PDB file of N, CA and C in Angstrom:
ATOM      1  N   UNK A   1      -4.286  -7.452   4.322  1.00  0.00           N
ATOM      2  CA  UNK A   1      -3.248  -7.666   3.682  1.00  0.00           C
ATOM      3  C   UNK A   1      -3.490  -8.058   2.035  1.00  0.00           C
ATOM      4  N   UNK A   2      -3.903  -8.846   1.658  1.00  0.00           N
ATOM      5  CA  UNK A   2      -3.958  -9.044   0.467  1.00  0.00           C
ATOM      6  C   UNK A   2      -4.327  -8.332  -0.572  1.00  0.00           C
ATOM      7  N   UNK A   3      -4.686  -7.700  -0.687  1.00  0.00           N
ATOM      8  CA  UNK A   3      -5.536  -5.736  -0.981  1.00  0.00           C
ATOM      9  C   UNK A   3      -3.603  -5.479  -0.919  1.00  0.00           C
ATOM     10  N   UNK A   4      -3.431  -5.594  -0.352  1.00  0.00           N
ATOM     11  CA  UNK A   4      -1.980  -4.530   0.201  1.00  0.00           C
ATOM     12  C   UNK A   4      -0.765  -5.342  -1.174  1.00  0.00           C
ATOM     13  N   UNK A   5      -0.672  -6.673  -0.940  1.00  0.00           N
ATOM     14  CA  UNK A   5      -0.321  -7.442  -2.070  1.00  0.00           C
ATOM     15  C   UNK A   5      -0.588  -7.273  -3.532  1.00  0.00           C
ATOM     16  N   UNK A   6      -1.686  -7.478  -4.023  1.00  0.00           N
ATOM     17  CA  UNK A   6      -1.895  -7.318  -5.066  1.00  0.00           C
ATOM     18  C   UNK A   6      -1.693  -5.978  -5.860  1.00  0.00           C
ATOM     19  N   UNK A   7      -1.415  -4.972  -4.678  1.00  0.00           N
ATOM     20  CA  UNK A   7      -1.637  -3.558  -5.372  1.00  0.00           C
ATOM     21  C   UNK A   7      -0.034  -3.314  -5.567  1.00  0.00           C
ATOM     22  N   UNK A   8       0.669  -4.239  -5.122  1.00  0.00           N
ATOM     23  CA  UNK A   8       2.263  -4.396  -5.050  1.00  0.00           C
ATOM     24  C   UNK A   8       2.447  -4.898  -6.406  1.00  0.00           C
ATOM     25  N   UNK A   9       1.929  -6.089  -6.843  1.00  0.00           N
ATOM     26  CA  UNK A   9       2.035  -6.804  -7.984  1.00  0.00           C
ATOM     27  C   UNK A   9       1.258  -5.441  -8.760  1.00  0.00           C
ATOM     28  N   UNK A  10       0.208  -5.043  -8.752  1.00  0.00           N
ATOM     29  CA  UNK A  10       0.077  -4.552  -9.874  1.00  0.00           C
ATOM     30  C   UNK A  10       0.984  -3.302 -10.801  1.00  0.00           C
ATOM     31  N   UNK A  11       1.369  -2.624  -9.345  1.00  0.00           N
ATOM     32  CA  UNK A  11       3.034  -1.916  -9.487  1.00  0.00           C
ATOM     33  C   UNK A  11       3.764  -2.069 -10.205  1.00  0.00           C
ATOM     34  N   UNK A  12       4.207  -3.339 -10.026  1.00  0.00           N
ATOM     35  CA  UNK A  12       5.187  -4.224 -10.178  1.00  0.00           C
ATOM     36  C   UNK A  12       4.801  -3.783 -11.918  1.00  0.00           C
ATOM     37  N   UNK A  13       3.896  -5.020 -12.022  1.00  0.00           N
ATOM     38  CA  UNK A  13       3.310  -5.302 -13.792  1.00  0.00           C
ATOM     39  C   UNK A  13       2.920  -3.877 -14.476  1.00  0.00           C
ATOM     40  N   UNK A  14       2.879  -2.811 -14.095  1.00  0.00           N
ATOM     41  CA  UNK A  14       2.342  -2.022 -14.811  1.00  0.00           C
ATOM     42  C   UNK A  14       4.201  -0.644 -15.216  1.00  0.00           C
ATOM     43  N   UNK A  15       4.910  -1.048 -14.205  1.00  0.00           N
ATOM     44  CA  UNK A  15       6.031  -0.709 -14.462  1.00  0.00           C
ATOM     45  C   UNK A  15       7.228  -1.381 -15.225  1.00  0.00           C
ATOM     46  N   UNK A  16       6.762  -2.710 -15.347  1.00  0.00           N
ATOM     47  CA  UNK A  16       7.459  -3.536 -16.403  1.00  0.00           C
ATOM     48  C   UNK A  16       7.144  -3.729 -17.803  1.00  0.00           C
ATOM     49  N   UNK A  17       5.874  -2.892 -17.709  1.00  0.00           N
ATOM     50  CA  UNK A  17       5.161  -2.978 -19.095  1.00  0.00           C
ATOM     51  C   UNK A  17       5.921  -1.534 -19.832  1.00  0.00           C
ATOM     52  N   UNK A  18       6.210  -2.463 -21.139  1.00  0.00           N
ATOM     53  CA  UNK A  18       6.859  -0.987 -22.039  1.00  0.00           C
ATOM     54  C   UNK A  18       5.831   0.436 -22.104  1.00  0.00           C
ATOM     55  N   UNK A  19       4.798   0.356 -21.912  1.00  0.00           N
ATOM     56  CA  UNK A  19       4.254   2.051 -22.017  1.00  0.00           C
ATOM     57  C   UNK A  19       3.512   2.220 -20.734  1.00  0.00           C
ATOM     58  N   UNK A  20       4.834   3.008 -20.012  1.00  0.00           N
ATOM     59  CA  UNK A  20       4.568   3.282 -18.336  1.00  0.00           C
ATOM     60  C   UNK A  20       3.301   4.187 -18.414  1.00  0.00           C
ATOM     61  N   UNK A  21       2.587   3.787 -17.625  1.00  0.00           N
ATOM     62  CA  UNK A  21       0.804   4.680 -17.368  1.00  0.00           C
ATOM     63  C   UNK A  21       1.418   5.409 -16.118  1.00  0.00           C
ATOM     64  N   UNK A  22       2.058   6.471 -15.880  1.00  0.00           N
ATOM     65  CA  UNK A  22       2.389   6.894 -14.790  1.00  0.00           C
ATOM     66  C   UNK A  22       1.334   7.626 -13.685  1.00  0.00           C
ATOM     67  N   UNK A  23       0.363   7.659 -14.365  1.00  0.00           N
ATOM     68  CA  UNK A  23      -0.452   8.329 -13.798  1.00  0.00           C
ATOM     69  C   UNK A  23      -1.345   6.717 -12.795  1.00  0.00           C
ATOM     70  N   UNK A  24      -1.873   6.355 -13.923  1.00  0.00           N
ATOM     71  CA  UNK A  24      -2.493   5.096 -12.858  1.00  0.00           C
ATOM     72  C   UNK A  24      -1.195   4.301 -11.777  1.00  0.00           C
ATOM     73  N   UNK A  25      -0.102   4.279 -12.068  1.00  0.00           N
ATOM     74  CA  UNK A  25       0.744   3.675 -10.987  1.00  0.00           C
ATOM     75  C   UNK A  25       1.474   4.468  -9.986  1.00  0.00           C
ATOM     76  N   UNK A  26       1.031   6.194  -9.861  1.00  0.00           N
ATOM     77  CA  UNK A  26       0.847   6.800  -8.997  1.00  0.00           C
ATOM     78  C   UNK A  26      -0.376   6.922  -8.236  1.00  0.00           C
ATOM     79  N   UNK A  27      -1.417   6.564  -8.943  1.00  0.00           N
ATOM     80  CA  UNK A  27      -2.592   6.119  -8.163  1.00  0.00           C
ATOM     81  C   UNK A  27      -2.642   5.031  -7.063  1.00  0.00           C
ATOM     82  N   UNK A  28      -2.327   3.890  -7.591  1.00  0.00           N
ATOM     83  CA  UNK A  28      -1.879   2.957  -7.274  1.00  0.00           C
ATOM     84  C   UNK A  28      -1.027   2.595  -5.734  1.00  0.00           C
ATOM     85  N   UNK A  29       0.140   3.439  -6.181  1.00  0.00           N
ATOM     86  CA  UNK A  29       1.135   3.753  -4.970  1.00  0.00           C
ATOM     87  C   UNK A  29      -0.137   4.333  -3.837  1.00  0.00           C
ATOM     88  N   UNK A  30      -0.324   5.449  -4.222  1.00  0.00           N
ATOM     89  CA  UNK A  30      -1.180   6.828  -3.296  1.00  0.00           C
ATOM     90  C   UNK A  30      -2.172   5.267  -2.309  1.00  0.00           C
ATOM     91  N   UNK A  31      -2.732   4.552  -3.172  1.00  0.00           N
ATOM     92  CA  UNK A  31      -3.597   4.139  -2.503  1.00  0.00           C
ATOM     93  C   UNK A  31      -3.122   2.776  -1.948  1.00  0.00           C
ATOM     94  N   UNK A  32      -1.426   2.434  -2.126  1.00  0.00           N
ATOM     95  CA  UNK A  32      -1.163   1.420  -1.172  1.00  0.00           C
ATOM     96  C   UNK A  32      -0.660   1.719  -0.207  1.00  0.00           C
ATOM     97  N   UNK A  33      -0.207   2.849  -0.014  1.00  0.00           N
ATOM     98  CA  UNK A  33       0.559   4.076   1.214  1.00  0.00           C
ATOM     99  C   UNK A  33      -0.800   4.013   1.870  1.00  0.00           C
ATOM    100  N   UNK A  34      -2.087   4.184   1.632  1.00  0.00           N
ATOM    101  CA  UNK A  34      -3.089   4.636   2.398  1.00  0.00           C
ATOM    102  C   UNK A  34      -3.242   3.394   2.971  1.00  0.00           C
ATOM    103  N   UNK A  35      -3.479   2.194   2.645  1.00  0.00           N
ATOM    104  CA  UNK A  35      -3.630   1.047   3.078  1.00  0.00           C
ATOM    105  C   UNK A  35      -2.787   0.214   4.186  1.00  0.00           C
ATOM    106  N   UNK A  36      -1.396   1.081   3.746  1.00  0.00           N
ATOM    107  CA  UNK A  36      -0.308   0.446   4.604  1.00  0.00           C
ATOM    108  C   UNK A  36      -0.389   1.325   5.792  1.00  0.00           C
ATOM    109  N   UNK A  37      -0.975   2.780   5.565  1.00  0.00           N
ATOM    110  CA  UNK A  37      -1.157   3.328   7.215  1.00  0.00           C
ATOM    111  C   UNK A  37      -2.475   3.467   7.625  1.00  0.00           C
ATOM    112  N   UNK A  38      -3.499   2.624   7.267  1.00  0.00           N
ATOM    113  CA  UNK A  38      -4.802   1.991   7.735  1.00  0.00           C
ATOM    114  C   UNK A  38      -4.147   0.811   8.558  1.00  0.00           C
ATOM    115  N   UNK A  39      -3.116  -0.294   8.066  1.00  0.00           N
ATOM    116  CA  UNK A  39      -2.716  -1.327   8.710  1.00  0.00           C
ATOM    117  C   UNK A  39      -2.085  -1.358   9.841  1.00  0.00           C
ATOM    118  N   UNK A  40      -1.257   0.219  10.019  1.00  0.00           N
ATOM    119  CA  UNK A  40      -0.743   0.527  10.952  1.00  0.00           C
ATOM    120  C   UNK A  40      -1.429   0.993  12.208  1.00  0.00           C
ATOM    121  N   UNK A  41      -2.207   1.754  11.944  1.00  0.00           N
ATOM    122  CA  UNK A  41      -3.483   2.016  12.918  1.00  0.00           C
ATOM    123  C   UNK A  41      -3.953   1.157  13.446  1.00  0.00           C
ATOM    124  N   UNK A  42      -4.265   0.371  12.713  1.00  0.00           N
ATOM    125  CA  UNK A  42      -5.141  -1.038  13.364  1.00  0.00           C
ATOM    126  C   UNK A  42      -4.334  -1.741  14.501  1.00  0.00           C
ATOM    127  N   UNK A  43      -2.727  -2.114  13.800  1.00  0.00           N
ATOM    128  CA  UNK A  43      -2.010  -2.387  14.900  1.00  0.00           C
ATOM    129  C   UNK A  43      -1.698  -1.595  15.887  1.00  0.00           C
ATOM    130  N   UNK A  44      -1.934  -0.252  16.067  1.00  0.00           N
ATOM    131  CA  UNK A  44      -1.496   0.758  16.936  1.00  0.00           C
ATOM    132  C   UNK A  44      -2.730   0.358  17.697  1.00  0.00           C
ATOM    133  N   UNK A  45      -3.866   0.461  17.670  1.00  0.00           N
ATOM    134  CA  UNK A  45      -5.371  -0.119  18.242  1.00  0.00           C
ATOM    135  C   UNK A  45      -5.153  -1.382  18.716  1.00  0.00           C
ATOM    136  N   UNK A  46      -4.813  -2.649  18.433  1.00  0.00           N
ATOM    137  CA  UNK A  46      -4.567  -3.566  18.973  1.00  0.00           C
ATOM    138  C   UNK A  46      -2.814  -3.505  20.259  1.00  0.00           C
ATOM    139  N   UNK A  47      -2.235  -2.870  19.779  1.00  0.00           N
ATOM    140  CA  UNK A  47      -1.097  -2.785  21.083  1.00  0.00           C
ATOM    141  C   UNK A  47      -1.334  -1.665  21.551  1.00  0.00           C
ATOM    142  N   UNK A  48      -1.689  -1.275  22.653  1.00  0.00           N
ATOM    143  CA  UNK A  48      -1.672   0.325  23.271  1.00  0.00           C
ATOM    144  C   UNK A  48      -0.187   0.723  23.646  1.00  0.00           C
ATOM    145  N   UNK A  49      -0.123   2.067  23.664  1.00  0.00           N
ATOM    146  CA  UNK A  49       1.478   1.946  23.965  1.00  0.00           C
ATOM    147  C   UNK A  49       1.445   2.671  25.482  1.00  0.00           C
ATOM    148  N   UNK A  50       1.640   1.742  26.107  1.00  0.00           N
ATOM    149  CA  UNK A  50       1.775   1.678  27.602  1.00  0.00           C
ATOM    150  C   UNK A  50       3.469   2.030  27.861  1.00  0.00           C
ATOM    151  N   UNK A  51       3.794   3.262  28.698  1.00  0.00           N
ATOM    152  CA  UNK A  51       4.768   3.521  29.474  1.00  0.00           C
ATOM    153  C   UNK A  51       5.237   3.151  30.907  1.00  0.00           C
ATOM    154  N   UNK A  52       5.938   2.207  31.030  1.00  0.00           N
ATOM    155  CA  UNK A  52       6.135   1.623  32.206  1.00  0.00           C
ATOM    156  C   UNK A  52       7.117   2.223  33.075  1.00  0.00           C
TER     157      UNK A  52
END
């Protein structure tokens, strides 16, 4: 979770800087999305989908 927050801060810092590095921002956003997906998959494994 910490890495996800760190990426969020890095994306914001790059976006706020005078010289926008769009490639770096895109890479960080992609990595953040991958982490979010991994977190969701782990959560799904912890709580099985039980239909009653």
